[in-house]
Amino acid sequence: MNSKMIARVIGAVLLGGGGYQLGSWLARAVGAERFVLVLALICAALGAALGLLFAPELTLVPLNKTRRRLASMAVGDLVALGVGLLLGLVISALLTFPLRALPGFLGSITPILAAIATCTISVTVLMSRHRELAEYVNERKFLSGAPRKDAADAEPAPKYLLDTSAIIDGRIADVSATGFLQGDLLVPQFVLRELQAIADSSDALRRNRGRRGLDMLARLQTENHVPVEVVDLPANGTSVNGVDVDSRLVAAAREFSYPIITNDYNLNKVAVLQGVKILNVNELAQSVKPVLLPGEDVKVQIIQEGKEFNQGVGYLDDGTMVVVENGRSCIGRDAEVTVTRVLQTAAGRMIFAQISAHQHN
């Protein structure tokens, strides 16, 4: 016999017995002494039918949901939940004595309402602020009245959440190797699961991207320029089976106040709208490109024709496009060019130039 059938049987017995008692009381209340048994049996049958139909939904379904919720909660959240319930019950017990002195029905119902309200408030406050409270207790501010001035008070290293796109891109590994990035890189479990799912994809392109991401993550961990840690970050409103990783990442970033490192344009926009700090790898790459001013000379290899007549197109070492007027004759070789203007577009920086005077000579 499975759990649902057991719940139905128990529900039928309990509600059937309750229905029998209710039917007997109703028959005596209306003065129908002759029909006590008949009404009691009718109510018992109705109660048993309700128990058979709805007992699993009223018992097993809420119990399973509660069990799954508790299993997915972090240890700190579980402790906060237990302490919040205990604190709420203590406060409600102190309120019970004056509330029971209220006249009539109020004296019976207000202690129950007070217990529900105090437990709800206590759990809500502790669940939302338990990390700040734990830090406050660890610093012993409640004892000393002022923060300690020893090494333990040193500013903690900043932490950054890594997005899947930034890991696959791989440039974050080069940035961390330079020493410009200070702090810890955190890879949430759901981001790692998404990388594994991409690496196991049947599509060859996606599979190669996923494997590159795993290789880059291994490189980050082995080179050890910046600490990299795979963490399990609970976030409210998360998706099921990692369908919406971006939403989970933004929710975790908001909850823990961690910036997100990414090069995903859509994630960038959504996160900024929700007040999450973003470190965009593409914007970093654009900002560190060398600045060229009109009139400066630069050497560039012209590799193809431009859209306009007699134009040549080349690229700098950082990938910046250089459009060279009258550069068609220099295709396939290096040329000294003079910058005439620099255009910044949404796609990046574009440089317009012309063949230098001494190049003609």
Protein backbone atom coordinates (compact mmCIF):
# COMPACT_ATOMS: atom_id res chain seq x y z
CA MET A 1 0.00 0.00 0.00
CA ASN A 2 1.53 3.31 -1.09
CA SER A 3 1.61 6.54 0.90
CA LYS A 4 -1.32 8.09 -0.97
CA MET A 5 -3.59 5.17 -0.20
CA ILE A 6 -2.55 5.22 3.47
CA ALA A 7 -3.31 8.96 3.60
CA ARG A 8 -6.73 8.34 2.01
CA VAL A 9 -7.61 5.61 4.51
CA ILE A 10 -6.50 7.66 7.51
CA GLY A 11 -8.32 10.74 6.14
CA ALA A 12 -11.50 8.72 5.58
CA VAL A 13 -11.41 7.31 9.11
CA LEU A 14 -10.72 10.67 10.77
CA LEU A 15 -13.18 12.72 8.73
CA GLY A 16 -15.76 9.92 8.90
CA GLY A 17 -15.53 9.87 12.70
CA GLY A 18 -15.71 13.67 12.81
CA GLY A 19 -18.73 13.61 10.50
CA TYR A 20 -20.49 11.09 12.74
CA GLN A 21 -19.98 13.32 15.79
CA LEU A 22 -21.09 16.40 13.85
CA GLY A 23 -24.22 14.70 12.55
CA SER A 24 -25.18 13.56 16.05
CA TRP A 25 -24.68 17.05 17.44
CA LEU A 26 -26.71 18.66 14.63
CA ALA A 27 -29.62 16.23 15.09
CA ARG A 28 -29.81 16.95 18.83
CA ALA A 29 -29.38 20.68 18.27
CA VAL A 30 -32.44 20.87 15.97
CA GLY A 31 -34.47 18.52 18.17
CA ALA A 32 -34.61 15.62 15.72
CA GLU A 33 -33.90 12.90 18.26
CA ARG A 34 -35.50 10.24 16.10
CA PHE A 35 -33.07 10.91 13.22
CA VAL A 36 -29.83 11.11 15.19
CA LEU A 37 -28.41 7.88 13.77
CA VAL A 38 -29.53 8.62 10.21
CA LEU A 39 -28.00 12.14 10.16
CA ALA A 40 -24.85 10.89 11.91
CA LEU A 41 -24.35 8.16 9.29
CA ILE A 42 -24.95 10.60 6.42
CA CYS A 43 -22.37 13.05 7.79
CA ALA A 44 -19.96 10.17 8.45
CA ALA A 45 -20.30 9.00 4.84
CA LEU A 46 -19.71 12.54 3.54
CA GLY A 47 -16.66 12.93 5.78
CA ALA A 48 -15.22 9.58 4.69
CA ALA A 49 -15.74 10.49 1.00
CA LEU A 50 -13.97 13.83 1.48
CA GLY A 51 -11.12 12.06 3.26
CA LEU A 52 -10.71 9.56 0.42
CA LEU A 53 -10.70 12.30 -2.21
CA PHE A 54 -8.66 15.08 -0.67
CA ALA A 55 -6.48 13.58 2.08
CA PRO A 56 -3.28 13.36 -0.09
CA GLU A 57 -3.67 16.95 -1.29
CA LEU A 58 -4.16 18.16 2.27
CA THR A 59 -1.30 16.14 3.79
CA LEU A 60 1.26 14.62 1.41
CA VAL A 61 1.47 17.47 -1.12
CA PRO A 62 2.20 20.21 1.48
CA LEU A 63 4.53 17.83 3.33
CA ASN A 64 6.55 17.03 0.19
CA LYS A 65 6.78 20.69 -0.79
CA THR A 66 7.98 21.57 2.70
CA ARG A 67 10.52 18.74 2.65
CA ARG A 68 11.93 19.81 -0.74
CA ARG A 69 12.09 23.42 0.37
CA LEU A 70 13.95 22.51 3.56
CA ALA A 71 16.34 20.24 1.66
CA SER A 72 17.28 23.06 -0.73
CA MET A 73 17.81 25.64 2.02
CA ALA A 74 21.29 26.57 3.16
CA VAL A 75 22.34 25.66 6.70
CA GLY A 76 22.34 29.32 7.73
CA ASP A 77 18.75 29.71 6.55
CA LEU A 78 17.66 26.60 8.47
CA VAL A 79 19.26 27.92 11.66
CA ALA A 80 17.59 31.30 11.13
CA LEU A 81 14.23 29.56 10.61
CA GLY A 82 14.55 27.56 13.83
CA VAL A 83 15.70 30.53 15.90
CA GLY A 84 12.93 32.69 14.43
CA LEU A 85 10.25 30.14 15.37
CA LEU A 86 11.66 29.77 18.87
CA LEU A 87 11.85 33.53 19.38
CA GLY A 88 8.32 33.99 18.06
CA LEU A 89 6.94 31.34 20.41
CA VAL A 90 8.70 32.90 23.40
CA ILE A 91 7.29 36.34 22.61
CA SER A 92 3.79 34.92 22.04
CA ALA A 93 3.96 33.08 25.38
CA LEU A 94 4.74 36.37 27.13
CA LEU A 95 1.80 38.01 25.37
CA THR A 96 -0.60 35.20 26.21
CA PHE A 97 -1.12 36.24 29.84
CA PRO A 98 -2.43 39.77 29.19
CA LEU A 99 -4.35 38.69 26.09
CA ARG A 100 -6.22 35.90 27.88
CA ALA A 101 -7.61 38.53 30.25
CA LEU A 102 -9.65 40.02 27.41
CA PRO A 103 -13.39 39.39 27.74
CA GLY A 104 -15.26 36.60 25.97
CA PHE A 105 -14.24 35.38 22.54
CA LEU A 106 -11.29 37.80 22.27
CA GLY A 107 -9.57 36.12 25.21
CA SER A 108 -9.60 32.82 23.31
CA ILE A 109 -8.64 33.90 19.79
CA THR A 110 -6.12 36.74 20.32
CA PRO A 111 -3.37 34.52 21.86
CA ILE A 112 -3.51 32.28 18.77
CA LEU A 113 -3.37 35.26 16.41
CA ALA A 114 -0.51 36.75 18.45
CA ALA A 115 1.48 33.47 18.19
CA ILE A 116 1.00 33.37 14.40
CA ALA A 117 1.97 37.03 13.99
CA THR A 118 5.06 36.93 16.22
CA CYS A 119 6.39 33.71 14.65
CA THR A 120 5.85 35.09 11.13
CA ILE A 121 7.59 38.39 11.91
CA SER A 122 10.50 36.71 13.73
CA VAL A 123 11.12 34.18 10.95
CA THR A 124 10.86 36.84 8.23
CA VAL A 125 13.31 39.19 9.95
CA LEU A 126 15.87 36.50 10.78
CA MET A 127 15.67 34.83 7.36
CA SER A 128 16.29 38.14 5.56
CA ARG A 129 18.95 39.59 7.89
CA HIS A 130 20.68 36.61 9.51
CA ARG A 131 23.93 37.15 7.63
CA GLU A 132 24.22 40.73 8.88
CA LEU A 133 23.33 39.59 12.40
CA ALA A 134 25.97 36.84 12.28
CA GLU A 135 28.62 39.33 11.16
CA TYR A 136 27.54 41.70 13.91
CA VAL A 137 27.87 38.97 16.54
CA ASN A 138 31.25 37.84 15.16
CA GLU A 139 32.62 41.37 15.45
CA ARG A 140 31.33 41.52 19.07
CA LYS A 141 29.99 45.00 18.61
CA PHE A 142 27.35 44.26 21.21
CA LEU A 143 30.10 43.73 23.79
CA SER A 144 32.76 46.27 22.95
CA GLY A 145 30.59 49.09 21.66
CA ALA A 146 33.11 49.71 18.86
CA PRO A 147 34.66 47.66 16.08
CA ARG A 148 37.87 45.82 16.87
CA LYS A 149 41.00 47.29 15.40
CA ASP A 150 42.98 44.10 14.84
CA ALA A 151 43.76 42.17 11.68
CA ALA A 152 40.39 40.45 11.72
CA ASP A 153 38.82 43.81 10.84
CA ALA A 154 40.68 43.96 7.53
CA GLU A 155 38.44 44.70 4.58
CA PRO A 156 37.29 41.35 3.12
CA ALA A 157 38.34 40.56 -0.43
CA PRO A 158 35.66 41.44 -2.99
CA LYS A 159 33.77 38.56 -4.60
CA TYR A 160 32.55 38.34 -8.17
CA LEU A 161 30.02 35.98 -9.77
CA LEU A 162 31.17 34.49 -13.08
CA ASP A 163 28.61 34.18 -15.87
CA THR A 164 28.68 31.28 -18.32
CA SER A 165 29.46 33.57 -21.26
CA ALA A 166 32.48 35.10 -19.49
CA ILE A 167 33.89 31.65 -18.69
CA ILE A 168 33.49 30.41 -22.28
CA ASP A 169 34.93 33.66 -23.67
CA GLY A 170 38.15 32.99 -21.72
CA ARG A 171 39.49 36.53 -21.61
CA ILE A 172 38.79 36.71 -17.87
CA ALA A 173 41.61 34.21 -17.40
CA ASP A 174 44.01 36.60 -19.16
CA VAL A 175 42.73 39.51 -17.07
CA SER A 176 43.24 37.60 -13.82
CA ALA A 177 46.77 36.63 -14.93
CA THR A 178 47.73 40.31 -15.21
CA GLY A 179 46.96 40.94 -11.53
CA PHE A 180 44.49 43.77 -12.21
CA LEU A 181 41.58 41.72 -10.82
CA GLN A 182 41.62 41.57 -7.03
CA GLY A 183 39.22 39.33 -5.12
CA ASP A 184 37.57 35.92 -5.36
CA LEU A 185 35.82 34.53 -8.43
CA LEU A 186 32.67 32.56 -7.55
CA VAL A 187 31.13 30.05 -9.95
CA PRO A 188 27.58 29.10 -8.83
CA GLN A 189 26.63 25.45 -9.09
CA PHE A 190 23.86 26.23 -11.59
CA VAL A 191 26.39 27.97 -13.89
CA LEU A 192 28.65 24.90 -13.71
CA ARG A 193 25.67 22.65 -14.51
CA GLU A 194 24.85 24.82 -17.53
CA LEU A 195 28.46 24.51 -18.75
CA GLN A 196 28.26 20.74 -18.39
CA ALA A 197 24.95 20.66 -20.26
CA ILE A 198 26.45 22.71 -23.11
CA ALA A 199 29.52 20.45 -23.20
CA ASP A 200 27.20 17.40 -23.49
CA SER A 201 25.10 18.97 -26.25
CA SER A 202 24.47 17.04 -29.47
CA ASP A 203 25.28 20.20 -31.45
CA ALA A 204 28.99 20.26 -32.28
CA LEU A 205 29.36 24.05 -31.95
CA ARG A 206 27.66 24.17 -28.55
CA ARG A 207 29.63 21.12 -27.41
CA ASN A 208 32.92 22.79 -28.32
CA ARG A 209 31.88 25.99 -26.55
CA GLY A 210 30.98 24.06 -23.40
CA ARG A 211 34.27 22.15 -23.40
CA ARG A 212 36.18 25.40 -23.91
CA GLY A 213 34.35 26.85 -20.90
CA LEU A 214 35.29 23.87 -18.73
CA ASP A 215 38.91 24.14 -19.91
CA MET A 216 38.97 27.85 -19.08
CA LEU A 217 37.53 27.17 -15.64
CA ALA A 218 40.20 24.54 -15.02
CA ARG A 219 42.85 27.03 -16.16
CA LEU A 220 41.52 29.66 -13.74
CA GLN A 221 41.70 27.18 -10.86
CA THR A 222 45.17 25.81 -11.68
CA GLU A 223 46.92 29.11 -12.42
CA ASN A 224 45.68 30.43 -9.07
CA HIS A 225 46.24 34.11 -9.87
CA VAL A 226 42.81 34.78 -8.34
CA PRO A 227 40.99 32.34 -6.00
CA VAL A 228 38.21 30.50 -7.85
CA GLU A 229 35.50 28.69 -5.90
CA VAL A 230 32.46 26.71 -7.00
CA VAL A 231 29.67 27.62 -4.59
CA ASP A 232 26.05 26.71 -4.00
CA LEU A 233 24.23 30.04 -3.76
CA PRO A 234 20.53 29.83 -2.89
CA ALA A 235 18.48 32.53 -4.60
CA ASN A 236 14.78 33.28 -4.26
CA GLY A 237 12.68 32.96 -7.37
CA THR A 238 15.06 30.56 -9.09
CA SER A 239 14.09 28.58 -12.12
CA VAL A 240 13.59 24.86 -12.40
CA ASN A 241 16.32 22.61 -13.83
CA GLY A 242 18.54 25.57 -14.70
CA VAL A 243 16.26 26.79 -17.52
CA ASP A 244 16.79 30.46 -16.69
CA VAL A 245 20.34 30.70 -15.39
CA ASP A 246 20.50 34.47 -15.94
CA SER A 247 17.56 35.05 -13.57
CA ARG A 248 19.15 32.86 -10.92
CA LEU A 249 22.46 34.69 -11.32
CA VAL A 250 20.82 38.12 -10.95
CA ALA A 251 18.79 36.93 -7.94
CA ALA A 252 21.95 35.61 -6.23
CA ALA A 253 23.85 38.81 -7.04
CA ARG A 254 21.08 40.93 -5.52
CA GLU A 255 20.84 38.76 -2.40
CA PHE A 256 24.59 38.72 -1.68
CA SER A 257 25.53 42.10 -3.25
CA TYR A 258 28.10 40.51 -5.57
CA PRO A 259 28.98 42.04 -8.98
CA ILE A 260 28.58 39.83 -12.06
CA ILE A 261 31.38 39.37 -14.61
CA THR A 262 29.85 38.76 -18.03
CA ASN A 263 29.94 39.67 -21.71
CA ASP A 264 26.26 38.89 -22.29
CA TYR A 265 24.53 42.04 -23.56
CA ASN A 266 21.01 41.01 -22.45
CA LEU A 267 22.14 39.93 -18.99
CA ASN A 268 23.98 43.24 -18.68
CA LYS A 269 20.81 45.25 -19.35
CA VAL A 270 18.56 43.14 -17.10
CA ALA A 271 21.02 43.21 -14.20
CA VAL A 272 21.53 46.98 -14.39
CA LEU A 273 17.75 47.51 -14.33
CA GLN A 274 17.61 45.51 -11.08
CA GLY A 275 20.45 47.42 -9.45
CA VAL A 276 23.13 44.74 -9.85
CA LYS A 277 26.69 45.87 -10.62
CA ILE A 278 28.07 44.46 -13.87
CA LEU A 279 31.70 44.08 -14.97
CA ASN A 280 31.47 43.61 -18.74
CA VAL A 281 34.48 41.95 -20.36
CA ASN A 282 33.68 43.54 -23.73
CA GLU A 283 33.59 47.02 -22.23
CA LEU A 284 36.91 46.31 -20.52
CA ALA A 285 38.44 45.23 -23.83
CA GLN A 286 37.20 48.41 -25.50
CA SER A 287 38.51 50.64 -22.73
CA VAL A 288 42.07 49.26 -22.82
CA LYS A 289 42.54 49.63 -26.57
CA PRO A 290 45.25 52.16 -27.45
CA VAL A 291 44.05 55.69 -28.09
CA LEU A 292 44.94 57.07 -31.52
CA LEU A 293 44.42 60.73 -32.32
CA PRO A 294 44.02 62.34 -35.74
CA GLY A 295 47.44 63.12 -37.19
CA GLU A 296 49.23 60.15 -35.60
CA ASP A 297 51.08 57.62 -37.76
CA VAL A 298 50.61 53.88 -37.29
CA LYS A 299 51.69 50.76 -39.17
CA VAL A 300 48.89 48.44 -40.29
CA GLN A 301 48.68 45.44 -42.61
CA ILE A 302 46.05 46.02 -45.28
CA ILE A 303 44.34 42.73 -46.04
CA GLN A 304 41.28 43.50 -48.16
CA GLU A 305 39.39 46.08 -50.19
CA GLY A 306 37.05 48.55 -48.56
CA LYS A 307 33.45 49.34 -49.50
CA GLU A 308 34.33 52.57 -51.23
CA PHE A 309 36.50 53.03 -54.32
CA ASN A 310 40.23 52.51 -53.81
CA GLN A 311 39.86 51.86 -50.08
CA GLY A 312 41.85 49.27 -48.17
CA VAL A 313 40.97 47.69 -44.84
CA GLY A 314 43.37 46.50 -42.18
CA TYR A 315 43.30 45.67 -38.48
CA LEU A 316 45.44 46.66 -35.53
CA ASP A 317 46.81 44.03 -33.15
CA ASP A 318 43.82 44.53 -30.84
CA GLY A 319 41.33 43.93 -33.68
CA THR A 320 40.39 47.57 -34.34
CA MET A 321 39.37 48.11 -37.96
CA VAL A 322 41.34 50.68 -39.95
CA VAL A 323 39.84 51.98 -43.20
CA VAL A 324 42.62 53.41 -45.39
CA GLU A 325 41.83 55.82 -48.21
CA ASN A 326 43.78 55.02 -51.39
CA GLY A 327 45.03 51.89 -49.67
CA ARG A 328 43.92 49.38 -52.27
CA SER A 329 47.37 49.29 -53.86
CA CYS A 330 48.88 48.21 -50.51
CA ILE A 331 46.72 45.11 -50.04
CA GLY A 332 48.77 42.22 -48.71
CA ARG A 333 51.55 44.26 -47.12
CA ASP A 334 52.23 46.62 -44.22
CA ALA A 335 51.72 50.31 -44.74
CA GLU A 336 52.40 53.47 -42.77
CA VAL A 337 49.12 55.36 -42.45
CA THR A 338 48.10 58.67 -40.86
CA VAL A 339 44.93 58.72 -38.75
CA THR A 340 42.35 61.20 -40.04
CA ARG A 341 39.45 60.50 -37.67
CA VAL A 342 38.29 57.99 -35.05
CA LEU A 343 34.69 56.82 -34.91
CA GLN A 344 33.27 55.10 -31.80
CA THR A 345 30.26 52.90 -32.60
CA ALA A 346 28.18 50.41 -30.62
CA ALA A 347 30.12 47.61 -32.32
CA GLY A 348 33.48 49.09 -31.36
CA ARG A 349 36.04 51.63 -32.51
CA MET A 350 36.70 52.33 -36.18
CA ILE A 351 39.68 54.31 -37.47
CA PHE A 352 39.86 56.15 -40.78
CA ALA A 353 43.31 56.90 -42.19
CA GLN A 354 45.22 57.66 -45.32
CA ILE A 355 48.59 56.56 -46.64
CA SER A 356 51.34 58.58 -44.95
CA ALA A 357 53.25 61.11 -47.03
CA HIS A 358 56.60 59.39 -46.54
CA GLN A 359 55.00 56.07 -47.58
CA HIS A 360 54.42 57.56 -51.01
CA ASN A 361 58.02 58.71 -51.07
